[in-house]
Every structure is written in C-alpha cells, then in structure tokens.
Amino acid sequence: MRQFLARVRIPLLLSSVGVCFVLLALLWAWVAFHRIGGTVVISFTNEMGILRVGTPGVLYGTAFVALVALAINSFLVAALLKRDNFLAGFLGVATLFLGFLIFVGFAAIISVN
C-alpha cells in the first residue's frame, strides 16, 4: 500500500495543484468583480486599446469550463496511473501548467480592470 501511495502521490498532487490554481483565480475574480454590474475589459493591447469587453459572468464561465477540463484531466491521471506512470506524470504536469496559465490570464484581466 505504501508503494502504491508513493507512486500515485506526485501525479495526483500536480493535478490537484492545477485545479487549485483555477479555484484561486475564480475566487480572486469574484472578490475583484462581485460589486461590478457593468462591463469588464477582457482583452487589451497597448497598440489597439480595448479589444473585448464582457461581464464578470464571462470570467466565471471561463473558470467553470476550465475546472471541468482540469477535472477530466485529473480523472485521466488517476486512470493512467494503473497503466503508465510516465504518461500519468506527463498529464499531471500538463494539468498543472494549464491551471497556472489560466491563473495568469485571470491575473492579467484583473490587473487591467
């Protein structure tokens, strides 16, 4: 049992941290925008200015879709652990990276507003 937990721990931990990044981004967006009823700048460049605007609900929907995708990845990591450790670890790192990228995207949107 100990060997199984030692083998399973790292990929599932990486996947869980990726999900936590998205949950943290969702919480940060809610704290930043829960009083705003109007529009939020979604995309902005220095050359062209504001490209897209939306409501805070757009961000919440994006976080929900990201959570579903990362949950599917986490279940795949758990299923792959029985067959291939390398692929499970790779998918765990990919899930962590995707969660981190979503967190950075939310941070950029929050900093513009």
N, C-alpha and C. Protein backbone atom coordinates (compact mmCIF):
# COMPACT_ATOMS: atom_id res chain seq x y z
N MET A 1 0.82 -1.19 0.00
CA MET A 1 0.00 0.00 0.00
C MET A 1 0.86 1.26 0.00
N ARG A 2 1.95 1.23 0.75
CA ARG A 2 2.84 2.39 0.79
C ARG A 2 3.48 2.68 -0.55
N GLN A 3 3.88 1.63 -1.26
CA GLN A 3 4.49 1.82 -2.57
C GLN A 3 3.48 2.41 -3.55
N PHE A 4 2.25 1.96 -3.47
CA PHE A 4 1.21 2.50 -4.35
C PHE A 4 0.97 3.97 -4.07
N LEU A 5 0.90 4.35 -2.79
CA LEU A 5 0.70 5.76 -2.45
C LEU A 5 1.88 6.62 -2.86
N ALA A 6 3.08 6.09 -2.74
CA ALA A 6 4.27 6.84 -3.16
C ALA A 6 4.26 7.05 -4.67
N ARG A 7 3.80 6.06 -5.43
CA ARG A 7 3.76 6.17 -6.88
C ARG A 7 2.64 7.09 -7.35
N VAL A 8 1.53 7.08 -6.64
CA VAL A 8 0.34 7.84 -7.04
C VAL A 8 0.41 9.29 -6.59
N ARG A 9 1.13 9.54 -5.55
CA ARG A 9 1.10 10.85 -4.91
C ARG A 9 1.51 12.00 -5.82
N ILE A 10 2.61 11.89 -6.52
CA ILE A 10 3.15 13.01 -7.29
C ILE A 10 2.22 13.43 -8.45
N PRO A 11 1.81 12.53 -9.35
CA PRO A 11 0.93 13.00 -10.44
C PRO A 11 -0.39 13.57 -9.96
N LEU A 12 -0.99 12.94 -8.96
CA LEU A 12 -2.26 13.46 -8.46
C LEU A 12 -2.07 14.78 -7.73
N LEU A 13 -0.94 14.95 -7.06
CA LEU A 13 -0.65 16.21 -6.40
C LEU A 13 -0.48 17.33 -7.43
N LEU A 14 0.23 17.06 -8.50
CA LEU A 14 0.41 18.06 -9.56
C LEU A 14 -0.94 18.44 -10.17
N SER A 15 -1.75 17.46 -10.43
CA SER A 15 -3.07 17.73 -11.00
C SER A 15 -3.94 18.53 -10.03
N SER A 16 -3.87 18.21 -8.76
CA SER A 16 -4.66 18.92 -7.75
C SER A 16 -4.21 20.37 -7.60
N VAL A 17 -2.92 20.61 -7.71
CA VAL A 17 -2.42 21.98 -7.62
C VAL A 17 -2.91 22.80 -8.82
N GLY A 18 -2.99 22.19 -9.99
CA GLY A 18 -3.53 22.88 -11.17
C GLY A 18 -4.99 23.28 -10.96
N VAL A 19 -5.77 22.39 -10.37
CA VAL A 19 -7.17 22.71 -10.08
C VAL A 19 -7.24 23.82 -9.03
N CYS A 20 -6.34 23.79 -8.05
CA CYS A 20 -6.32 24.84 -7.03
C CYS A 20 -5.98 26.20 -7.62
N PHE A 21 -5.11 26.23 -8.63
CA PHE A 21 -4.81 27.50 -9.31
C PHE A 21 -6.07 28.10 -9.92
N VAL A 22 -6.87 27.27 -10.56
CA VAL A 22 -8.10 27.79 -11.19
C VAL A 22 -9.10 28.22 -10.13
N LEU A 23 -9.21 27.46 -9.05
CA LEU A 23 -10.12 27.87 -7.97
C LEU A 23 -9.67 29.18 -7.34
N LEU A 24 -8.37 29.35 -7.18
CA LEU A 24 -7.85 30.60 -6.64
C LEU A 24 -8.11 31.77 -7.59
N ALA A 25 -7.97 31.53 -8.89
CA ALA A 25 -8.27 32.58 -9.88
C ALA A 25 -9.74 32.94 -9.86
N LEU A 26 -10.60 31.95 -9.71
CA LEU A 26 -12.04 32.20 -9.64
C LEU A 26 -12.38 33.01 -8.39
N LEU A 27 -11.80 32.66 -7.27
CA LEU A 27 -12.04 33.39 -6.03
C LEU A 27 -11.53 34.83 -6.15
N TRP A 28 -10.35 35.00 -6.73
CA TRP A 28 -9.78 36.34 -6.90
C TRP A 28 -10.66 37.18 -7.82
N ALA A 29 -11.15 36.58 -8.90
CA ALA A 29 -12.03 37.31 -9.82
C ALA A 29 -13.34 37.70 -9.13
N TRP A 30 -13.88 36.80 -8.33
CA TRP A 30 -15.12 37.12 -7.63
C TRP A 30 -14.91 38.25 -6.64
N VAL A 31 -13.80 38.23 -5.90
CA VAL A 31 -13.52 39.30 -4.95
C VAL A 31 -13.32 40.62 -5.68
N ALA A 32 -12.67 40.59 -6.83
CA ALA A 32 -12.39 41.82 -7.56
C ALA A 32 -13.63 42.38 -8.27
N PHE A 33 -14.54 41.53 -8.71
CA PHE A 33 -15.63 41.97 -9.58
C PHE A 33 -17.03 41.76 -9.02
N HIS A 34 -17.19 41.31 -7.79
CA HIS A 34 -18.55 40.99 -7.33
C HIS A 34 -19.42 42.22 -7.15
N ARG A 35 -18.83 43.39 -7.03
CA ARG A 35 -19.63 44.61 -6.91
C ARG A 35 -19.85 45.29 -8.26
N ILE A 36 -19.19 44.83 -9.29
CA ILE A 36 -19.31 45.45 -10.62
C ILE A 36 -20.48 44.82 -11.35
N GLY A 37 -21.40 45.64 -11.78
CA GLY A 37 -22.55 45.13 -12.52
C GLY A 37 -22.41 45.36 -14.00
N GLY A 38 -21.47 46.19 -14.38
CA GLY A 38 -21.33 46.57 -15.78
C GLY A 38 -20.34 45.70 -16.53
N THR A 39 -19.57 46.36 -17.38
CA THR A 39 -18.65 45.63 -18.24
C THR A 39 -17.25 45.57 -17.64
N VAL A 40 -16.54 44.57 -18.08
CA VAL A 40 -15.16 44.32 -17.65
C VAL A 40 -14.33 44.16 -18.92
N VAL A 41 -13.13 44.73 -18.92
CA VAL A 41 -12.23 44.59 -20.07
C VAL A 41 -11.68 43.17 -20.06
N ILE A 42 -11.92 42.45 -21.15
CA ILE A 42 -11.46 41.06 -21.26
C ILE A 42 -10.14 40.99 -22.02
N SER A 43 -9.98 41.80 -23.06
CA SER A 43 -8.77 41.78 -23.87
C SER A 43 -8.33 43.21 -24.15
N PHE A 44 -7.02 43.46 -23.98
CA PHE A 44 -6.48 44.81 -24.11
C PHE A 44 -5.06 44.71 -24.66
N THR A 45 -4.73 45.58 -25.62
CA THR A 45 -3.34 45.71 -26.09
C THR A 45 -2.95 47.18 -26.05
N ASN A 46 -1.67 47.43 -25.96
CA ASN A 46 -1.20 48.81 -25.92
C ASN A 46 -1.37 49.50 -27.27
N GLU A 47 -1.25 48.76 -28.36
CA GLU A 47 -1.33 49.36 -29.69
C GLU A 47 -2.76 49.70 -30.09
N MET A 48 -3.70 48.77 -29.82
CA MET A 48 -5.07 48.94 -30.30
C MET A 48 -6.06 49.33 -29.21
N GLY A 49 -5.65 49.22 -27.96
CA GLY A 49 -6.55 49.56 -26.87
C GLY A 49 -7.42 48.38 -26.46
N ILE A 50 -8.66 48.67 -26.12
CA ILE A 50 -9.58 47.63 -25.67
C ILE A 50 -10.10 46.85 -26.88
N LEU A 51 -9.94 45.55 -26.83
CA LEU A 51 -10.40 44.69 -27.93
C LEU A 51 -11.72 44.01 -27.61
N ARG A 52 -11.90 43.54 -26.37
CA ARG A 52 -13.13 42.84 -25.99
C ARG A 52 -13.55 43.28 -24.60
N VAL A 53 -14.84 43.42 -24.43
CA VAL A 53 -15.41 43.68 -23.11
C VAL A 53 -16.47 42.61 -22.85
N GLY A 54 -16.75 42.41 -21.59
CA GLY A 54 -17.76 41.44 -21.20
C GLY A 54 -18.16 41.67 -19.75
N THR A 55 -19.01 40.82 -19.26
CA THR A 55 -19.44 40.91 -17.87
C THR A 55 -18.55 40.00 -17.02
N PRO A 56 -18.60 40.15 -15.71
CA PRO A 56 -17.87 39.20 -14.87
C PRO A 56 -18.35 37.76 -15.05
N GLY A 57 -19.57 37.58 -15.52
CA GLY A 57 -20.08 36.24 -15.79
C GLY A 57 -19.28 35.51 -16.85
N VAL A 58 -18.69 36.25 -17.78
CA VAL A 58 -17.83 35.64 -18.79
C VAL A 58 -16.62 35.00 -18.12
N LEU A 59 -16.05 35.69 -17.16
CA LEU A 59 -14.91 35.13 -16.44
C LEU A 59 -15.31 33.92 -15.61
N TYR A 60 -16.46 33.99 -14.97
CA TYR A 60 -16.92 32.86 -14.17
C TYR A 60 -17.20 31.64 -15.06
N GLY A 61 -17.76 31.88 -16.23
CA GLY A 61 -18.00 30.78 -17.17
C GLY A 61 -16.70 30.17 -17.67
N THR A 62 -15.71 31.02 -17.93
CA THR A 62 -14.41 30.53 -18.34
C THR A 62 -13.78 29.67 -17.25
N ALA A 63 -13.89 30.11 -16.01
CA ALA A 63 -13.34 29.34 -14.90
C ALA A 63 -14.08 28.02 -14.75
N PHE A 64 -15.39 28.01 -14.96
CA PHE A 64 -16.16 26.77 -14.85
C PHE A 64 -15.73 25.77 -15.92
N VAL A 65 -15.58 26.24 -17.15
CA VAL A 65 -15.15 25.35 -18.23
C VAL A 65 -13.73 24.83 -17.96
N ALA A 66 -12.87 25.70 -17.44
CA ALA A 66 -11.52 25.27 -17.10
C ALA A 66 -11.53 24.24 -15.99
N LEU A 67 -12.39 24.42 -15.00
CA LEU A 67 -12.48 23.43 -13.92
C LEU A 67 -12.97 22.09 -14.43
N VAL A 68 -13.92 22.09 -15.35
CA VAL A 68 -14.39 20.83 -15.93
C VAL A 68 -13.26 20.15 -16.70
N ALA A 69 -12.52 20.92 -17.49
CA ALA A 69 -11.41 20.34 -18.25
C ALA A 69 -10.33 19.79 -17.33
N LEU A 70 -10.00 20.51 -16.28
CA LEU A 70 -8.98 20.04 -15.36
C LEU A 70 -9.46 18.86 -14.53
N ALA A 71 -10.75 18.81 -14.23
CA ALA A 71 -11.28 17.65 -13.52
C ALA A 71 -11.21 16.40 -14.40
N ILE A 72 -11.51 16.55 -15.67
CA ILE A 72 -11.38 15.43 -16.60
C ILE A 72 -9.93 14.98 -16.67
N ASN A 73 -9.00 15.93 -16.75
CA ASN A 73 -7.57 15.58 -16.75
C ASN A 73 -7.19 14.86 -15.47
N SER A 74 -7.72 15.29 -14.35
CA SER A 74 -7.39 14.65 -13.07
C SER A 74 -7.89 13.21 -13.04
N PHE A 75 -9.09 12.98 -13.55
CA PHE A 75 -9.61 11.61 -13.63
C PHE A 75 -8.78 10.76 -14.58
N LEU A 76 -8.32 11.37 -15.68
CA LEU A 76 -7.45 10.64 -16.60
C LEU A 76 -6.11 10.29 -15.94
N VAL A 77 -5.58 11.20 -15.15
CA VAL A 77 -4.35 10.92 -14.42
C VAL A 77 -4.55 9.73 -13.49
N ALA A 78 -5.65 9.72 -12.77
CA ALA A 78 -5.93 8.61 -11.86
C ALA A 78 -6.10 7.29 -12.61
N ALA A 79 -6.72 7.34 -13.78
CA ALA A 79 -6.91 6.12 -14.56
C ALA A 79 -5.59 5.65 -15.19
N LEU A 80 -4.75 6.58 -15.62
CA LEU A 80 -3.49 6.21 -16.25
C LEU A 80 -2.45 5.71 -15.26
N LEU A 81 -2.63 6.01 -14.01
CA LEU A 81 -1.65 5.53 -13.01
C LEU A 81 -1.58 4.02 -12.97
N LYS A 82 -2.66 3.34 -13.29
CA LYS A 82 -2.68 1.88 -13.27
C LYS A 82 -1.96 1.29 -14.48
N ARG A 83 -1.82 2.10 -15.53
CA ARG A 83 -1.24 1.56 -16.77
C ARG A 83 0.16 2.09 -17.06
N ASP A 84 0.32 3.43 -17.00
CA ASP A 84 1.59 4.01 -17.42
C ASP A 84 1.92 5.20 -16.52
N ASN A 85 2.97 5.05 -15.74
CA ASN A 85 3.34 6.12 -14.81
C ASN A 85 3.85 7.36 -15.53
N PHE A 86 4.62 7.17 -16.61
CA PHE A 86 5.16 8.32 -17.32
C PHE A 86 4.05 9.18 -17.90
N LEU A 87 3.10 8.55 -18.56
CA LEU A 87 2.01 9.31 -19.17
C LEU A 87 1.15 10.00 -18.11
N ALA A 88 0.94 9.33 -16.98
CA ALA A 88 0.18 9.94 -15.89
C ALA A 88 0.93 11.15 -15.33
N GLY A 89 2.23 11.03 -15.17
CA GLY A 89 3.02 12.16 -14.69
C GLY A 89 3.04 13.31 -15.69
N PHE A 90 3.15 12.97 -16.97
CA PHE A 90 3.13 14.00 -18.01
C PHE A 90 1.81 14.75 -18.03
N LEU A 91 0.71 14.00 -17.92
CA LEU A 91 -0.61 14.63 -17.90
C LEU A 91 -0.81 15.44 -16.63
N GLY A 92 -0.25 14.98 -15.51
CA GLY A 92 -0.31 15.76 -14.27
C GLY A 92 0.42 17.09 -14.40
N VAL A 93 1.60 17.07 -15.03
CA VAL A 93 2.35 18.32 -15.26
C VAL A 93 1.61 19.21 -16.24
N ALA A 94 1.01 18.63 -17.28
CA ALA A 94 0.24 19.42 -18.24
C ALA A 94 -0.97 20.08 -17.57
N THR A 95 -1.61 19.36 -16.67
CA THR A 95 -2.75 19.92 -15.93
C THR A 95 -2.30 21.07 -15.04
N LEU A 96 -1.16 20.90 -14.38
CA LEU A 96 -0.62 21.97 -13.56
C LEU A 96 -0.30 23.19 -14.41
N PHE A 97 0.34 22.98 -15.56
CA PHE A 97 0.71 24.08 -16.45
C PHE A 97 -0.54 24.80 -16.97
N LEU A 98 -1.56 24.05 -17.35
CA LEU A 98 -2.80 24.66 -17.84
C LEU A 98 -3.48 25.47 -16.75
N GLY A 99 -3.52 24.94 -15.53
CA GLY A 99 -4.10 25.69 -14.41
C GLY A 99 -3.34 26.97 -14.13
N PHE A 100 -2.00 26.90 -14.22
CA PHE A 100 -1.18 28.09 -14.00
C PHE A 100 -1.42 29.13 -15.09
N LEU A 101 -1.53 28.69 -16.34
CA LEU A 101 -1.80 29.64 -17.44
C LEU A 101 -3.15 30.32 -17.28
N ILE A 102 -4.14 29.59 -16.84
CA ILE A 102 -5.46 30.18 -16.61
C ILE A 102 -5.38 31.19 -15.47
N PHE A 103 -4.63 30.87 -14.43
CA PHE A 103 -4.44 31.80 -13.32
C PHE A 103 -3.76 33.08 -13.79
N VAL A 104 -2.74 32.97 -14.62
CA VAL A 104 -2.03 34.14 -15.15
C VAL A 104 -2.96 34.97 -16.03
N GLY A 105 -3.80 34.31 -16.83
CA GLY A 105 -4.75 35.04 -17.66
C GLY A 105 -5.75 35.82 -16.82
N PHE A 106 -6.25 35.20 -15.77
CA PHE A 106 -7.17 35.90 -14.88
C PHE A 106 -6.46 37.06 -14.18
N ALA A 107 -5.20 36.86 -13.79
CA ALA A 107 -4.45 37.95 -13.15
C ALA A 107 -4.29 39.13 -14.09
N ALA A 108 -4.04 38.85 -15.38
CA ALA A 108 -3.90 39.93 -16.35
C ALA A 108 -5.22 40.68 -16.53
N ILE A 109 -6.32 39.96 -16.59
CA ILE A 109 -7.63 40.60 -16.74
C ILE A 109 -7.96 41.45 -15.52
N ILE A 110 -7.67 40.92 -14.34
CA ILE A 110 -7.95 41.67 -13.11
C ILE A 110 -7.07 42.91 -13.02
N SER A 111 -5.82 42.81 -13.45
CA SER A 111 -4.93 43.97 -13.34
C SER A 111 -5.32 45.08 -14.32
N VAL A 112 -5.90 44.74 -15.46
CA VAL A 112 -6.32 45.77 -16.42
C VAL A 112 -7.54 46.53 -15.89
N ASN A 113 -8.40 45.83 -15.18
CA ASN A 113 -9.60 46.47 -14.67
C ASN A 113 -9.31 47.15 -13.37
